[in-house]
């Protein structure tokens, strides 16, 4: 279920970008390429995991501030 939600959200953003900025461009090959890229991107993006864990040594920072 999480995969489906992430995939749908990423496709909505890429399609919204297309609809707002690229739909009036008359280079149909570029439009096709972008829409295929958006589809492949939306399918693969949920598999990418970004770790956002940060470790901060508070004791060391307090010693640096007091010196």
PDB file of N, CA and C in Angstrom:
ATOM      1  N   UNK A   1       0.828  -1.194   0.000  1.00  0.00           N
ATOM      2  CA  UNK A   1       0.000   0.000   0.000  1.00  0.00           C
ATOM      3  C   UNK A   1       0.875   1.260   0.000  1.00  0.00           C
ATOM      4  N   UNK A   2       1.963   1.230   0.765  1.00  0.00           N
ATOM      5  CA  UNK A   2       2.868   2.381   0.823  1.00  0.00           C
ATOM      6  C   UNK A   2       3.479   2.656  -0.553  1.00  0.00           C
ATOM      7  N   UNK A   3       3.825   1.588  -1.275  1.00  0.00           N
ATOM      8  CA  UNK A   3       4.375   1.737  -2.625  1.00  0.00           C
ATOM      9  C   UNK A   3       3.374   2.436  -3.544  1.00  0.00           C
ATOM     10  N   UNK A   4       2.136   2.025  -3.473  1.00  0.00           N
ATOM     11  CA  UNK A   4       1.098   2.598  -4.324  1.00  0.00           C
ATOM     12  C   UNK A   4       0.889   4.084  -4.031  1.00  0.00           C
ATOM     13  N   UNK A   5       0.926   4.461  -2.771  1.00  0.00           N
ATOM     14  CA  UNK A   5       0.751   5.859  -2.389  1.00  0.00           C
ATOM     15  C   UNK A   5       1.916   6.712  -2.884  1.00  0.00           C
ATOM     16  N   UNK A   6       3.147   6.237  -2.662  1.00  0.00           N
ATOM     17  CA  UNK A   6       4.321   6.993  -3.103  1.00  0.00           C
ATOM     18  C   UNK A   6       4.356   7.108  -4.625  1.00  0.00           C
ATOM     19  N   UNK A   7       4.026   6.035  -5.305  1.00  0.00           N
ATOM     20  CA  UNK A   7       4.032   6.051  -6.756  1.00  0.00           C
ATOM     21  C   UNK A   7       2.984   7.017  -7.295  1.00  0.00           C
ATOM     22  N   UNK A   8       1.817   7.001  -6.719  1.00  0.00           N
ATOM     23  CA  UNK A   8       0.744   7.890  -7.163  1.00  0.00           C
ATOM     24  C   UNK A   8       1.106   9.349  -6.919  1.00  0.00           C
ATOM     25  N   UNK A   9       1.664   9.646  -5.760  1.00  0.00           N
ATOM     26  CA  UNK A   9       2.049  11.025  -5.445  1.00  0.00           C
ATOM     27  C   UNK A   9       3.125  11.521  -6.405  1.00  0.00           C
ATOM     28  N   UNK A  10       4.131  10.699  -6.680  1.00  0.00           N
ATOM     29  CA  UNK A  10       5.188  11.138  -7.588  1.00  0.00           C
ATOM     30  C   UNK A  10       4.654  11.323  -9.005  1.00  0.00           C
ATOM     31  N   UNK A  11       3.725  10.462  -9.439  1.00  0.00           N
ATOM     32  CA  UNK A  11       3.154  10.642 -10.772  1.00  0.00           C
ATOM     33  C   UNK A  11       2.284  11.893 -10.847  1.00  0.00           C
ATOM     34  N   UNK A  12       1.568  12.185  -9.790  1.00  0.00           N
ATOM     35  CA  UNK A  12       0.741  13.400  -9.772  1.00  0.00           C
ATOM     36  C   UNK A  12       1.626  14.640  -9.887  1.00  0.00           C
ATOM     37  N   UNK A  13       2.749  14.662  -9.178  1.00  0.00           N
ATOM     38  CA  UNK A  13       3.642  15.819  -9.263  1.00  0.00           C
ATOM     39  C   UNK A  13       4.268  15.953 -10.649  1.00  0.00           C
ATOM     40  N   UNK A  14       4.726  14.847 -11.229  1.00  0.00           N
ATOM     41  CA  UNK A  14       5.333  14.944 -12.554  1.00  0.00           C
ATOM     42  C   UNK A  14       4.293  15.310 -13.617  1.00  0.00           C
ATOM     43  N   UNK A  15       3.089  14.794 -13.489  1.00  0.00           N
ATOM     44  CA  UNK A  15       2.045  15.143 -14.460  1.00  0.00           C
ATOM     45  C   UNK A  15       1.584  16.593 -14.278  1.00  0.00           C
ATOM     46  N   UNK A  16       1.520  17.061 -13.043  1.00  0.00           N
ATOM     47  CA  UNK A  16       1.158  18.458 -12.798  1.00  0.00           C
ATOM     48  C   UNK A  16       2.202  19.387 -13.414  1.00  0.00           C
ATOM     49  N   UNK A  17       3.475  19.032 -13.286  1.00  0.00           N
ATOM     50  CA  UNK A  17       4.543  19.811 -13.915  1.00  0.00           C
ATOM     51  C   UNK A  17       4.346  19.839 -15.430  1.00  0.00           C
ATOM     52  N   UNK A  18       4.039  18.695 -16.000  1.00  0.00           N
ATOM     53  CA  UNK A  18       3.782  18.627 -17.440  1.00  0.00           C
ATOM     54  C   UNK A  18       2.574  19.485 -17.816  1.00  0.00           C
ATOM     55  N   UNK A  19       1.506  19.359 -17.087  1.00  0.00           N
ATOM     56  CA  UNK A  19       0.274  20.058 -17.426  1.00  0.00           C
ATOM     57  C   UNK A  19       0.444  21.574 -17.321  1.00  0.00           C
ATOM     58  N   UNK A  20       1.171  22.018 -16.312  1.00  0.00           N
ATOM     59  CA  UNK A  20       1.337  23.456 -16.101  1.00  0.00           C
ATOM     60  C   UNK A  20       2.323  24.070 -17.090  1.00  0.00           C
ATOM     61  N   UNK A  21       3.448  23.394 -17.326  1.00  0.00           N
ATOM     62  CA  UNK A  21       4.512  24.014 -18.105  1.00  0.00           C
ATOM     63  C   UNK A  21       4.716  23.461 -19.512  1.00  0.00           C
ATOM     64  N   UNK A  22       4.434  22.199 -19.734  1.00  0.00           N
ATOM     65  CA  UNK A  22       4.849  21.589 -20.997  1.00  0.00           C
ATOM     66  C   UNK A  22       3.721  21.222 -21.957  1.00  0.00           C
ATOM     67  N   UNK A  23       2.491  21.339 -21.576  1.00  0.00           N
ATOM     68  CA  UNK A  23       1.418  20.843 -22.433  1.00  0.00           C
ATOM     69  C   UNK A  23       1.253  21.661 -23.704  1.00  0.00           C
ATOM     70  N   UNK A  24       1.648  22.915 -23.700  1.00  0.00           N
ATOM     71  CA  UNK A  24       1.495  23.757 -24.890  1.00  0.00           C
ATOM     72  C   UNK A  24       2.702  23.714 -25.811  1.00  0.00           C
ATOM     73  N   UNK A  25       3.741  23.015 -25.425  1.00  0.00           N
ATOM     74  CA  UNK A  25       4.914  22.883 -26.282  1.00  0.00           C
ATOM     75  C   UNK A  25       4.563  21.932 -27.428  1.00  0.00           C
ATOM     76  N   UNK A  26       4.888  22.316 -28.642  1.00  0.00           N
ATOM     77  CA  UNK A  26       4.479  21.551 -29.823  1.00  0.00           C
ATOM     78  C   UNK A  26       5.509  20.511 -30.275  1.00  0.00           C
ATOM     79  N   UNK A  27       6.545  20.286 -29.498  1.00  0.00           N
ATOM     80  CA  UNK A  27       7.496  19.229 -29.832  1.00  0.00           C
ATOM     81  C   UNK A  27       6.967  17.933 -29.240  1.00  0.00           C
ATOM     82  N   UNK A  28       6.252  17.197 -30.055  1.00  0.00           N
ATOM     83  CA  UNK A  28       5.544  16.028 -29.568  1.00  0.00           C
ATOM     84  C   UNK A  28       6.491  14.913 -29.127  1.00  0.00           C
ATOM     85  N   UNK A  29       7.658  14.823 -29.754  1.00  0.00           N
ATOM     86  CA  UNK A  29       8.632  13.800 -29.335  1.00  0.00           C
ATOM     87  C   UNK A  29       9.102  14.072 -27.916  1.00  0.00           C
ATOM     88  N   UNK A  30       9.349  15.338 -27.600  1.00  0.00           N
ATOM     89  CA  UNK A  30       9.766  15.687 -26.234  1.00  0.00           C
ATOM     90  C   UNK A  30       8.650  15.388 -25.237  1.00  0.00           C
ATOM     91  N   UNK A  31       7.416  15.721 -25.595  1.00  0.00           N
ATOM     92  CA  UNK A  31       6.291  15.448 -24.698  1.00  0.00           C
ATOM     93  C   UNK A  31       6.140  13.951 -24.435  1.00  0.00           C
ATOM     94  N   UNK A  32       6.268  13.155 -25.466  1.00  0.00           N
ATOM     95  CA  UNK A  32       6.187  11.696 -25.291  1.00  0.00           C
ATOM     96  C   UNK A  32       7.312  11.195 -24.409  1.00  0.00           C
ATOM     97  N   UNK A  33       8.515  11.684 -24.670  1.00  0.00           N
ATOM     98  CA  UNK A  33       9.657  11.283 -23.858  1.00  0.00           C
ATOM     99  C   UNK A  33       9.446  11.665 -22.398  1.00  0.00           C
ATOM    100  N   UNK A  34       8.966  12.873 -22.154  1.00  0.00           N
ATOM    101  CA  UNK A  34       8.757  13.316 -20.776  1.00  0.00           C
ATOM    102  C   UNK A  34       7.694  12.474 -20.082  1.00  0.00           C
ATOM    103  N   UNK A  35       6.598  12.190 -20.756  1.00  0.00           N
ATOM    104  CA  UNK A  35       5.533  11.398 -20.130  1.00  0.00           C
ATOM    105  C   UNK A  35       5.990   9.965 -19.849  1.00  0.00           C
ATOM    106  N   UNK A  36       6.779   9.385 -20.752  1.00  0.00           N
ATOM    107  CA  UNK A  36       7.326   8.047 -20.481  1.00  0.00           C
ATOM    108  C   UNK A  36       8.313   8.092 -19.326  1.00  0.00           C
ATOM    109  N   UNK A  37       9.148   9.133 -19.298  1.00  0.00           N
ATOM    110  CA  UNK A  37      10.078   9.307 -18.182  1.00  0.00           C
ATOM    111  C   UNK A  37       9.324   9.460 -16.869  1.00  0.00           C
ATOM    112  N   UNK A  38       8.250  10.230 -16.869  1.00  0.00           N
ATOM    113  CA  UNK A  38       7.462  10.439 -15.653  1.00  0.00           C
ATOM    114  C   UNK A  38       6.869   9.124 -15.157  1.00  0.00           C
ATOM    115  N   UNK A  39       6.416   8.302 -16.067  1.00  0.00           N
ATOM    116  CA  UNK A  39       5.856   7.010 -15.686  1.00  0.00           C
ATOM    117  C   UNK A  39       6.911   6.096 -15.086  1.00  0.00           C
ATOM    118  N   UNK A  40       8.068   5.986 -15.732  1.00  0.00           N
ATOM    119  CA  UNK A  40       9.152   5.147 -15.214  1.00  0.00           C
ATOM    120  C   UNK A  40       9.668   5.702 -13.895  1.00  0.00           C
ATOM    121  N   UNK A  41       9.810   7.002 -13.804  1.00  0.00           N
ATOM    122  CA  UNK A  41      10.263   7.648 -12.565  1.00  0.00           C
ATOM    123  C   UNK A  41       9.298   7.362 -11.425  1.00  0.00           C
ATOM    124  N   UNK A  42       8.012   7.452 -11.689  1.00  0.00           N
ATOM    125  CA  UNK A  42       7.008   7.224 -10.649  1.00  0.00           C
ATOM    126  C   UNK A  42       6.980   5.777 -10.184  1.00  0.00           C
ATOM    127  N   UNK A  43       7.321   4.860 -11.063  1.00  0.00           N
ATOM    128  CA  UNK A  43       7.349   3.451 -10.680  1.00  0.00           C
ATOM    129  C   UNK A  43       8.587   3.135  -9.852  1.00  0.00           C
ATOM    130  N   UNK A  44       9.718   3.766 -10.160  1.00  0.00           N
ATOM    131  CA  UNK A  44      10.968   3.432  -9.477  1.00  0.00           C
ATOM    132  C   UNK A  44      11.247   4.259  -8.230  1.00  0.00           C
ATOM    133  N   UNK A  45      10.695   5.436  -8.096  1.00  0.00           N
ATOM    134  CA  UNK A  45      11.011   6.313  -6.967  1.00  0.00           C
ATOM    135  C   UNK A  45      10.632   5.717  -5.608  1.00  0.00           C
ATOM    136  N   UNK A  46       9.577   4.941  -5.468  1.00  0.00           N
ATOM    137  CA  UNK A  46       9.277   4.382  -4.137  1.00  0.00           C
ATOM    138  C   UNK A  46      10.320   3.385  -3.639  1.00  0.00           C
ATOM    139  N   UNK A  47      11.149   2.837  -4.528  1.00  0.00           N
ATOM    140  CA  UNK A  47      12.176   1.893  -4.108  1.00  0.00           C
ATOM    141  C   UNK A  47      13.404   2.575  -3.515  1.00  0.00           C
ATOM    142  N   UNK A  48      13.548   3.864  -3.718  1.00  0.00           N
ATOM    143  CA  UNK A  48      14.708   4.604  -3.213  1.00  0.00           C
ATOM    144  C   UNK A  48      14.432   5.020  -1.775  1.00  0.00           C
ATOM    145  N   UNK A  49      15.352   4.639  -0.890  1.00  0.00           N
ATOM    146  CA  UNK A  49      15.202   4.969   0.520  1.00  0.00           C
ATOM    147  C   UNK A  49      16.334   5.908   0.932  1.00  0.00           C
ATOM    148  N   UNK A  50      15.979   7.035   1.513  1.00  0.00           N
ATOM    149  CA  UNK A  50      16.954   8.022   1.952  1.00  0.00           C
ATOM    150  C   UNK A  50      16.951   8.041   3.476  1.00  0.00           C
ATOM    151  N   UNK A  51      18.105   7.784   4.042  1.00  0.00           N
ATOM    152  CA  UNK A  51      18.227   7.798   5.495  1.00  0.00           C
ATOM    153  C   UNK A  51      18.437   9.223   5.976  1.00  0.00           C
ATOM    154  N   UNK A  52      17.677   9.623   6.979  1.00  0.00           N
ATOM    155  CA  UNK A  52      17.773  10.986   7.485  1.00  0.00           C
ATOM    156  C   UNK A  52      18.158  10.999   8.964  1.00  0.00           C
ATOM    157  N   UNK A  53      18.982  10.066   9.364  1.00  0.00           N
ATOM    158  CA  UNK A  53      19.404   9.988  10.755  1.00  0.00           C
ATOM    159  C   UNK A  53      20.692  10.796  10.934  1.00  0.00           C
ATOM    160  N   UNK A  54      20.678  11.691  11.925  1.00  0.00           N
ATOM    161  CA  UNK A  54      21.849  12.491  12.240  1.00  0.00           C
ATOM    162  C   UNK A  54      22.202  12.268  13.705  1.00  0.00           C
ATOM    163  N   UNK A  55      23.494  12.142  13.966  1.00  0.00           N
ATOM    164  CA  UNK A  55      23.952  11.995  15.343  1.00  0.00           C
ATOM    165  C   UNK A  55      24.702  13.258  15.746  1.00  0.00           C
ATOM    166  N   UNK A  56      24.332  13.804  16.877  1.00  0.00           N
ATOM    167  CA  UNK A  56      24.987  15.002  17.383  1.00  0.00           C
ATOM    168  C   UNK A  56      25.522  14.678  18.772  1.00  0.00           C
ATOM    169  N   UNK A  57      26.785  14.932  18.948  1.00  0.00           N
ATOM    170  CA  UNK A  57      27.417  14.713  20.238  1.00  0.00           C
ATOM    171  C   UNK A  57      27.239  15.990  21.060  1.00  0.00           C
ATOM    172  N   UNK A  58      26.237  16.005  21.940  1.00  0.00           N
ATOM    173  CA  UNK A  58      25.884  17.203  22.694  1.00  0.00           C
ATOM    174  C   UNK A  58      26.971  17.559  23.705  1.00  0.00           C
ATOM    175  N   UNK A  59      27.566  16.585  24.356  1.00  0.00           N
ATOM    176  CA  UNK A  59      28.599  16.870  25.348  1.00  0.00           C
ATOM    177  C   UNK A  59      29.777  17.599  24.728  1.00  0.00           C
ATOM    178  N   UNK A  60      30.179  17.208  23.564  1.00  0.00           N
ATOM    179  CA  UNK A  60      31.299  17.845  22.895  1.00  0.00           C
ATOM    180  C   UNK A  60      30.939  19.285  22.519  1.00  0.00           C
ATOM    181  N   UNK A  61      29.735  19.513  22.055  1.00  0.00           N
ATOM    182  CA  UNK A  61      29.325  20.864  21.679  1.00  0.00           C
ATOM    183  C   UNK A  61      29.278  21.796  22.899  1.00  0.00           C
ATOM    184  N   UNK A  62      28.831  21.292  24.027  1.00  0.00           N
ATOM    185  CA  UNK A  62      28.775  22.100  25.242  1.00  0.00           C
ATOM    186  C   UNK A  62      30.192  22.463  25.697  1.00  0.00           C
ATOM    187  N   UNK A  63      31.139  21.532  25.591  1.00  0.00           N
ATOM    188  CA  UNK A  63      32.518  21.819  25.967  1.00  0.00           C
ATOM    189  C   UNK A  63      33.128  22.874  25.023  1.00  0.00           C
ATOM    190  N   UNK A  64      32.818  22.801  23.732  1.00  0.00           N
ATOM    191  CA  UNK A  64      33.358  23.767  22.796  1.00  0.00           C
ATOM    192  C   UNK A  64      32.798  25.176  23.082  1.00  0.00           C
ATOM    193  N   UNK A  65      31.530  25.253  23.458  1.00  0.00           N
ATOM    194  CA  UNK A  65      30.916  26.548  23.730  1.00  0.00           C
ATOM    195  C   UNK A  65      31.487  27.151  25.008  1.00  0.00           C
ATOM    196  N   UNK A  66      31.741  26.337  26.046  1.00  0.00           N
ATOM    197  CA  UNK A  66      32.236  26.856  27.308  1.00  0.00           C
ATOM    198  C   UNK A  66      33.697  27.285  27.220  1.00  0.00           C
ATOM    199  N   UNK A  67      34.459  26.782  26.267  1.00  0.00           N
ATOM    200  CA  UNK A  67      35.864  27.166  26.118  1.00  0.00           C
ATOM    201  C   UNK A  67      35.937  28.456  25.407  1.00  0.00           C
TER     202      UNK A  67
END
